[in-house]
PDB file of N, CA and C in Angstrom:
ATOM      1  N   MET A   1      22.123  20.016  18.580  1.00  0.00           N
ATOM      2  CA  MET A   1      23.453  19.507  18.345  1.00  0.00           C
ATOM      3  C   MET A   1      24.046  20.177  17.123  1.00  0.00           C
ATOM      4  N   GLU A   2      25.337  20.355  17.188  1.00  0.00           N
ATOM      5  CA  GLU A   2      26.059  20.899  16.046  1.00  0.00           C
ATOM      6  C   GLU A   2      27.101  19.903  15.589  1.00  0.00           C
ATOM      7  N   TRP A   3      27.218  19.790  14.280  1.00  0.00           N
ATOM      8  CA  TRP A   3      28.213  18.896  13.711  1.00  0.00           C
ATOM      9  C   TRP A   3      29.205  19.731  12.924  1.00  0.00           C
ATOM     10  N   GLY A   4      30.469  19.368  13.043  1.00  0.00           N
ATOM     11  CA  GLY A   4      31.518  20.119  12.374  1.00  0.00           C
ATOM     12  C   GLY A   4      31.658  19.784  10.905  1.00  0.00           C
ATOM     13  N   SER A   5      31.148  18.642  10.480  1.00  0.00           N
ATOM     14  CA  SER A   5      31.267  18.242   9.079  1.00  0.00           C
ATOM     15  C   SER A   5      30.107  17.310   8.728  1.00  0.00           C
ATOM     16  N   TRP A   6      30.009  17.038   7.427  1.00  0.00           N
ATOM     17  CA  TRP A   6      28.956  16.128   6.984  1.00  0.00           C
ATOM     18  C   TRP A   6      29.202  14.704   7.484  1.00  0.00           C
ATOM     19  N   SER A   7      30.448  14.299   7.552  1.00  0.00           N
ATOM     20  CA  SER A   7      30.720  12.941   8.034  1.00  0.00           C
ATOM     21  C   SER A   7      30.318  12.804   9.504  1.00  0.00           C
ATOM     22  N   ALA A   8      30.496  13.854  10.284  1.00  0.00           N
ATOM     23  CA  ALA A   8      30.059  13.826  11.679  1.00  0.00           C
ATOM     24  C   ALA A   8      28.530  13.768  11.762  1.00  0.00           C
ATOM     25  N   PHE A   9      27.874  14.481  10.844  1.00  0.00           N
ATOM     26  CA  PHE A   9      26.416  14.440  10.810  1.00  0.00           C
ATOM     27  C   PHE A   9      25.925  13.035  10.496  1.00  0.00           C
ATOM     28  N   TRP A  10      26.510  12.398   9.472  1.00  0.00           N
ATOM     29  CA  TRP A  10      26.066  11.067   9.077  1.00  0.00           C
ATOM     30  C   TRP A  10      26.389  10.011  10.130  1.00  0.00           C
ATOM     31  N   SER A  11      27.493  10.186  10.867  1.00  0.00           N
ATOM     32  CA  SER A  11      27.840   9.185  11.883  1.00  0.00           C
ATOM     33  C   SER A  11      27.041   9.381  13.168  1.00  0.00           C
ATOM     34  N   MET A  12      26.517  10.582  13.392  1.00  0.00           N
ATOM     35  CA  MET A  12      25.682  10.896  14.547  1.00  0.00           C
ATOM     36  C   MET A  12      26.304  10.439  15.865  1.00  0.00           C
ATOM     37  N   GLY A  13      27.565  10.708  16.026  1.00  0.00           N
ATOM     38  CA  GLY A  13      28.236  10.355  17.276  1.00  0.00           C
ATOM     39  C   GLY A  13      28.335   8.847  17.490  1.00  0.00           C
ATOM     40  N   GLY A  14      28.414   8.092  16.416  1.00  0.00           N
ATOM     41  CA  GLY A  14      28.517   6.646  16.524  1.00  0.00           C
ATOM     42  C   GLY A  14      27.188   5.920  16.425  1.00  0.00           C
ATOM     43  N   ASN A  15      26.093   6.654  16.379  1.00  0.00           N
ATOM     44  CA  ASN A  15      24.766   6.047  16.302  1.00  0.00           C
ATOM     45  C   ASN A  15      24.130   6.183  14.921  1.00  0.00           C
ATOM     46  N   GLY A  16      24.904   6.600  13.956  1.00  0.00           N
ATOM     47  CA  GLY A  16      24.378   6.857  12.619  1.00  0.00           C
ATOM     48  C   GLY A  16      23.745   5.631  11.972  1.00  0.00           C
ATOM     49  N   LEU A  17      24.362   4.463  12.122  1.00  0.00           N
ATOM     50  CA  LEU A  17      23.817   3.256  11.517  1.00  0.00           C
ATOM     51  C   LEU A  17      22.423   2.958  12.070  1.00  0.00           C
ATOM     52  N   PHE A  18      22.249   3.089  13.364  1.00  0.00           N
ATOM     53  CA  PHE A  18      20.936   2.857  13.977  1.00  0.00           C
ATOM     54  C   PHE A  18      19.921   3.911  13.523  1.00  0.00           C
ATOM     55  N   VAL A  19      20.322   5.178  13.566  1.00  0.00           N
ATOM     56  CA  VAL A  19      19.404   6.275  13.222  1.00  0.00           C
ATOM     57  C   VAL A  19      18.980   6.185  11.764  1.00  0.00           C
ATOM     58  N   TRP A  20      19.940   6.103  10.845  1.00  0.00           N
ATOM     59  CA  TRP A  20      19.609   6.094   9.424  1.00  0.00           C
ATOM     60  C   TRP A  20      18.981   4.760   9.012  1.00  0.00           C
ATOM     61  N   GLY A  21      19.369   3.694   9.671  1.00  0.00           N
ATOM     62  CA  GLY A  21      18.725   2.407   9.418  1.00  0.00           C
ATOM     63  C   GLY A  21      17.258   2.435   9.822  1.00  0.00           C
ATOM     64  N   SER A  22      16.962   3.086  10.943  1.00  0.00           N
ATOM     65  CA  SER A  22      15.574   3.221  11.391  1.00  0.00           C
ATOM     66  C   SER A  22      14.744   4.028  10.398  1.00  0.00           C
ATOM     67  N   TYR A  23      15.336   5.105   9.881  1.00  0.00           N
ATOM     68  CA  TYR A  23      14.638   5.883   8.863  1.00  0.00           C
ATOM     69  C   TYR A  23      14.393   5.041   7.607  1.00  0.00           C
ATOM     70  N   ALA A  24      15.376   4.262   7.197  1.00  0.00           N
ATOM     71  CA  ALA A  24      15.240   3.432   5.997  1.00  0.00           C
ATOM     72  C   ALA A  24      14.143   2.380   6.170  1.00  0.00           C
ATOM     73  N   VAL A  25      14.102   1.718   7.322  1.00  0.00           N
ATOM     74  CA  VAL A  25      13.087   0.704   7.570  1.00  0.00           C
ATOM     75  C   VAL A  25      11.695   1.337   7.603  1.00  0.00           C
ATOM     76  N   THR A  26      11.579   2.484   8.233  1.00  0.00           N
ATOM     77  CA  THR A  26      10.293   3.182   8.288  1.00  0.00           C
ATOM     78  C   THR A  26       9.827   3.586   6.899  1.00  0.00           C
ATOM     79  N   PHE A  27      10.734   4.146   6.111  1.00  0.00           N
ATOM     80  CA  PHE A  27      10.391   4.539   4.745  1.00  0.00           C
ATOM     81  C   PHE A  27       9.965   3.321   3.932  1.00  0.00           C
ATOM     82  N   LEU A  28      10.669   2.217   4.074  1.00  0.00           N
ATOM     83  CA  LEU A  28      10.331   0.997   3.347  1.00  0.00           C
ATOM     84  C   LEU A  28       8.937   0.492   3.729  1.00  0.00           C
ATOM     85  N   CYS A  29       8.629   0.507   5.020  1.00  0.00           N
ATOM     86  CA  CYS A  29       7.303   0.063   5.477  1.00  0.00           C
ATOM     87  C   CYS A  29       6.193   0.955   4.937  1.00  0.00           C
ATOM     88  N   VAL A  30       6.408   2.250   4.934  1.00  0.00           N
ATOM     89  CA  VAL A  30       5.404   3.182   4.403  1.00  0.00           C
ATOM     90  C   VAL A  30       5.222   2.959   2.904  1.00  0.00           C
ATOM     91  N   ALA A  31       6.315   2.763   2.175  1.00  0.00           N
ATOM     92  CA  ALA A  31       6.227   2.540   0.732  1.00  0.00           C
ATOM     93  C   ALA A  31       5.481   1.238   0.422  1.00  0.00           C
ATOM     94  N   VAL A  32       5.784   0.172   1.151  1.00  0.00           N
ATOM     95  CA  VAL A  32       5.091  -1.105   0.940  1.00  0.00           C
ATOM     96  C   VAL A  32       3.608  -0.955   1.254  1.00  0.00           C
ATOM     97  N   GLU A  33       3.274  -0.263   2.314  1.00  0.00           N
ATOM     98  CA  GLU A  33       1.865  -0.066   2.673  1.00  0.00           C
ATOM     99  C   GLU A  33       1.130   0.715   1.587  1.00  0.00           C
ATOM    100  N   LEU A  34       1.767   1.740   1.023  1.00  0.00           N
ATOM    101  CA  LEU A  34       1.147   2.508  -0.056  1.00  0.00           C
ATOM    102  C   LEU A  34       0.888   1.629  -1.272  1.00  0.00           C
ATOM    103  N   VAL A  35       1.851   0.796  -1.624  1.00  0.00           N
ATOM    104  CA  VAL A  35       1.676  -0.102  -2.766  1.00  0.00           C
ATOM    105  C   VAL A  35       0.519  -1.061  -2.512  1.00  0.00           C
ATOM    106  N   LEU A  36       0.440  -1.618  -1.302  1.00  0.00           N
ATOM    107  CA  LEU A  36      -0.632  -2.556  -0.978  1.00  0.00           C
ATOM    108  C   LEU A  36      -2.002  -1.882  -0.992  1.00  0.00           C
ATOM    109  N   VAL A  37      -2.079  -0.656  -0.490  1.00  0.00           N
ATOM    110  CA  VAL A  37      -3.351   0.072  -0.477  1.00  0.00           C
ATOM    111  C   VAL A  37      -3.802   0.372  -1.910  1.00  0.00           C
ATOM    112  N   ILE A  38      -2.875   0.795  -2.747  1.00  0.00           N
ATOM    113  CA  ILE A  38      -3.221   1.084  -4.142  1.00  0.00           C
ATOM    114  C   ILE A  38      -3.683  -0.186  -4.845  1.00  0.00           C
ATOM    115  N   ARG A  39      -2.999  -1.296  -4.601  1.00  0.00           N
ATOM    116  CA  ARG A  39      -3.378  -2.565  -5.221  1.00  0.00           C
ATOM    117  C   ARG A  39      -4.766  -3.021  -4.743  1.00  0.00           C
ATOM    118  N   ARG A  40      -5.015  -2.909  -3.427  1.00  0.00           N
ATOM    119  CA  ARG A  40      -6.328  -3.300  -2.900  1.00  0.00           C
ATOM    120  C   ARG A  40      -7.443  -2.433  -3.477  1.00  0.00           C
ATOM    121  N   ARG A  41      -7.190  -1.141  -3.614  1.00  0.00           N
ATOM    122  CA  ARG A  41      -8.196  -0.242  -4.176  1.00  0.00           C
ATOM    123  C   ARG A  41      -8.495  -0.625  -5.617  1.00  0.00           C
ATOM    124  N   ARG A  42      -7.450  -0.878  -6.402  1.00  0.00           N
ATOM    125  CA  ARG A  42      -7.633  -1.266  -7.800  1.00  0.00           C
ATOM    126  C   ARG A  42      -8.447  -2.558  -7.913  1.00  0.00           C
ATOM    127  N   ASP A  43      -8.125  -3.538  -7.077  1.00  0.00           N
ATOM    128  CA  ASP A  43      -8.865  -4.797  -7.101  1.00  0.00           C
ATOM    129  C   ASP A  43     -10.330  -4.604  -6.696  1.00  0.00           C
ATOM    130  N   THR A  44     -10.563  -3.753  -5.711  1.00  0.00           N
ATOM    131  CA  THR A  44     -11.932  -3.488  -5.265  1.00  0.00           C
ATOM    132  C   THR A  44     -12.738  -2.796  -6.358  1.00  0.00           C
ATOM    133  N   VAL A  45     -12.128  -1.831  -7.029  1.00  0.00           N
ATOM    134  CA  VAL A  45     -12.828  -1.138  -8.112  1.00  0.00           C
ATOM    135  C   VAL A  45     -13.145  -2.120  -9.233  1.00  0.00           C
ATOM    136  N   ARG A  46     -12.210  -2.990  -9.571  1.00  0.00           N
ATOM    137  CA  ARG A  46     -12.476  -3.994 -10.612  1.00  0.00           C
ATOM    138  C   ARG A  46     -13.615  -4.924 -10.219  1.00  0.00           C
ATOM    139  N   ARG A  47     -13.631  -5.352  -8.974  1.00  0.00           N
ATOM    140  CA  ARG A  47     -14.709  -6.232  -8.515  1.00  0.00           C
ATOM    141  C   ARG A  47     -16.055  -5.531  -8.574  1.00  0.00           C
ATOM    142  N   LEU A  48     -16.078  -4.279  -8.151  1.00  0.00           N
ATOM    143  CA  LEU A  48     -17.339  -3.535  -8.189  1.00  0.00           C
ATOM    144  C   LEU A  48     -17.833  -3.331  -9.612  1.00  0.00           C
ATOM    145  N   LEU A  49     -16.926  -3.045 -10.532  1.00  0.00           N
ATOM    146  CA  LEU A  49     -17.329  -2.885 -11.925  1.00  0.00           C
ATOM    147  C   LEU A  49     -17.842  -4.203 -12.494  1.00  0.00           C
ATOM    148  N   ARG A  50     -17.168  -5.297 -12.156  1.00  0.00           N
ATOM    149  CA  ARG A  50     -17.610  -6.608 -12.625  1.00  0.00           C
ATOM    150  C   ARG A  50     -18.975  -6.954 -12.034  1.00  0.00           C
ATOM    151  N   LEU A  51     -19.166  -6.602 -10.761  1.00  0.00           N
ATOM    152  CA  LEU A  51     -20.450  -6.851 -10.105  1.00  0.00           C
ATOM    153  C   LEU A  51     -21.555  -6.021 -10.750  1.00  0.00           C
ATOM    154  N   ARG A  52     -21.249  -4.783 -11.087  1.00  0.00           N
ATOM    155  CA  ARG A  52     -22.235  -3.919 -11.723  1.00  0.00           C
ATOM    156  C   ARG A  52     -22.626  -4.459 -13.099  1.00  0.00           C
ATOM    157  N   ARG A  53     -21.636  -4.932 -13.873  1.00  0.00           N
ATOM    158  CA  ARG A  53     -21.936  -5.486 -15.195  1.00  0.00           C
ATOM    159  C   ARG A  53     -22.750  -6.776 -15.095  1.00  0.00           C
ATOM    160  N   ALA A  54     -22.503  -7.558 -14.036  1.00  0.00           N
ATOM    161  CA  ALA A  54     -23.164  -8.849 -13.892  1.00  0.00           C
ATOM    162  C   ALA A  54     -24.547  -8.739 -13.263  1.00  0.00           C
ATOM    163  N   ALA A  55     -24.878  -7.609 -12.690  1.00  0.00           N
ATOM    164  CA  ALA A  55     -26.164  -7.445 -12.009  1.00  0.00           C
ATOM    165  C   ALA A  55     -27.293  -7.470 -13.030  1.00  0.00           C
ATOM    166  N   PRO A  56     -28.367  -8.152 -12.685  1.00  0.00           N
ATOM    167  CA  PRO A  56     -29.519  -8.179 -13.601  1.00  0.00           C
ATOM    168  C   PRO A  56     -30.143  -6.789 -13.714  1.00  0.00           C
ATOM    169  N   THR A  57     -30.546  -6.443 -14.907  1.00  0.00           N
ATOM    170  CA  THR A  57     -31.111  -5.103 -15.116  1.00  0.00           C
ATOM    171  C   THR A  57     -32.622  -5.092 -14.989  1.00  0.00           C
ATOM    172  N   GLY A  58     -33.237  -6.232 -15.184  1.00  0.00           N
ATOM    173  CA  GLY A  58     -34.699  -6.279 -15.128  1.00  0.00           C
ATOM    174  C   GLY A  58     -35.171  -7.102 -13.950  1.00  0.00           C
ATOM    175  N   THR A  59     -36.257  -7.807 -14.167  1.00  0.00           N
ATOM    176  CA  THR A  59     -36.856  -8.624 -13.114  1.00  0.00           C
ATOM    177  C   THR A  59     -36.463 -10.084 -13.260  1.00  0.00           C
ATOM    178  N   GLY A  60     -35.301 -10.344 -13.860  1.00  0.00           N
ATOM    179  CA  GLY A  60     -34.844 -11.709 -14.081  1.00  0.00           C
ATOM    180  C   GLY A  60     -34.423 -12.376 -12.777  1.00  0.00           C
ATOM    181  N   ALA A  61     -33.983 -13.601 -12.896  1.00  0.00           N
ATOM    182  CA  ALA A  61     -33.569 -14.367 -11.727  1.00  0.00           C
ATOM    183  C   ALA A  61     -32.281 -13.775 -11.144  1.00  0.00           C
ATOM    184  N   ARG A  62     -32.176 -13.836  -9.842  1.00  0.00           N
ATOM    185  CA  ARG A  62     -30.985 -13.334  -9.174  1.00  0.00           C
ATOM    186  C   ARG A  62     -29.870 -14.362  -9.268  1.00  0.00           C
ATOM    187  N   ARG A  63     -28.652 -13.862  -9.368  1.00  0.00           N
ATOM    188  CA  ARG A  63     -27.490 -14.735  -9.454  1.00  0.00           C
ATOM    189  C   ARG A  63     -26.750 -14.737  -8.120  1.00  0.00           C
ATOM    190  N   THR A  64     -26.100 -15.844  -7.813  1.00  0.00           N
ATOM    191  CA  THR A  64     -25.332 -15.928  -6.573  1.00  0.00           C
ATOM    192  C   THR A  64     -23.984 -15.261  -6.768  1.00  0.00           C
ATOM    193  N   THR A  65     -23.316 -14.970  -5.675  1.00  0.00           N
ATOM    194  CA  THR A  65     -21.997 -14.351  -5.736  1.00  0.00           C
ATOM    195  C   THR A  65     -21.005 -15.249  -6.462  1.00  0.00           C
ATOM    196  N   GLU A  66     -21.096 -16.555  -6.256  1.00  0.00           N
ATOM    197  CA  GLU A  66     -20.197 -17.482  -6.928  1.00  0.00           C
ATOM    198  C   GLU A  66     -20.366 -17.414  -8.445  1.00  0.00           C
ATOM    199  N   GLU A  67     -21.594 -17.257  -8.911  1.00  0.00           N
ATOM    200  CA  GLU A  67     -21.845 -17.161 -10.345  1.00  0.00           C
ATOM    201  C   GLU A  67     -21.276 -15.868 -10.912  1.00  0.00           C
ATOM    202  N   ILE A  68     -21.337 -14.824 -10.152  1.00  0.00           N
ATOM    203  CA  ILE A  68     -20.859 -13.520 -10.614  1.00  0.00           C
ATOM    204  C   ILE A  68     -19.351 -13.533 -10.762  1.00  0.00           C
ATOM    205  N   PHE A  69     -18.637 -14.127  -9.826  1.00  0.00           N
ATOM    206  CA  PHE A  69     -17.182 -14.067  -9.814  1.00  0.00           C
ATOM    207  C   PHE A  69     -16.522 -15.220 -10.544  1.00  0.00           C
ATOM    208  N   GLU A  70     -17.248 -15.985 -11.300  1.00  0.00           N
ATOM    209  CA  GLU A  70     -16.646 -17.079 -12.083  1.00  0.00           C
ATOM    210  C   GLU A  70     -16.073 -16.561 -13.360  1.00  0.00           C
TER     211      GLU A  70
END
């Protein structure tokens, strides 16, 4: 397709709102997913570090998961 001007390109023959709205919603979903993945990774790394610090180093008594995460 060829457009004679930028306004014709943005309107996309009357379907511009649907087309550009679809791109906006898709971009928003991808951005939210990236934020959630980064947050989950950070929380997992923190939990693993806390678990490593709480793990017994010798032959002492084992602790339950509830005790570790308190």
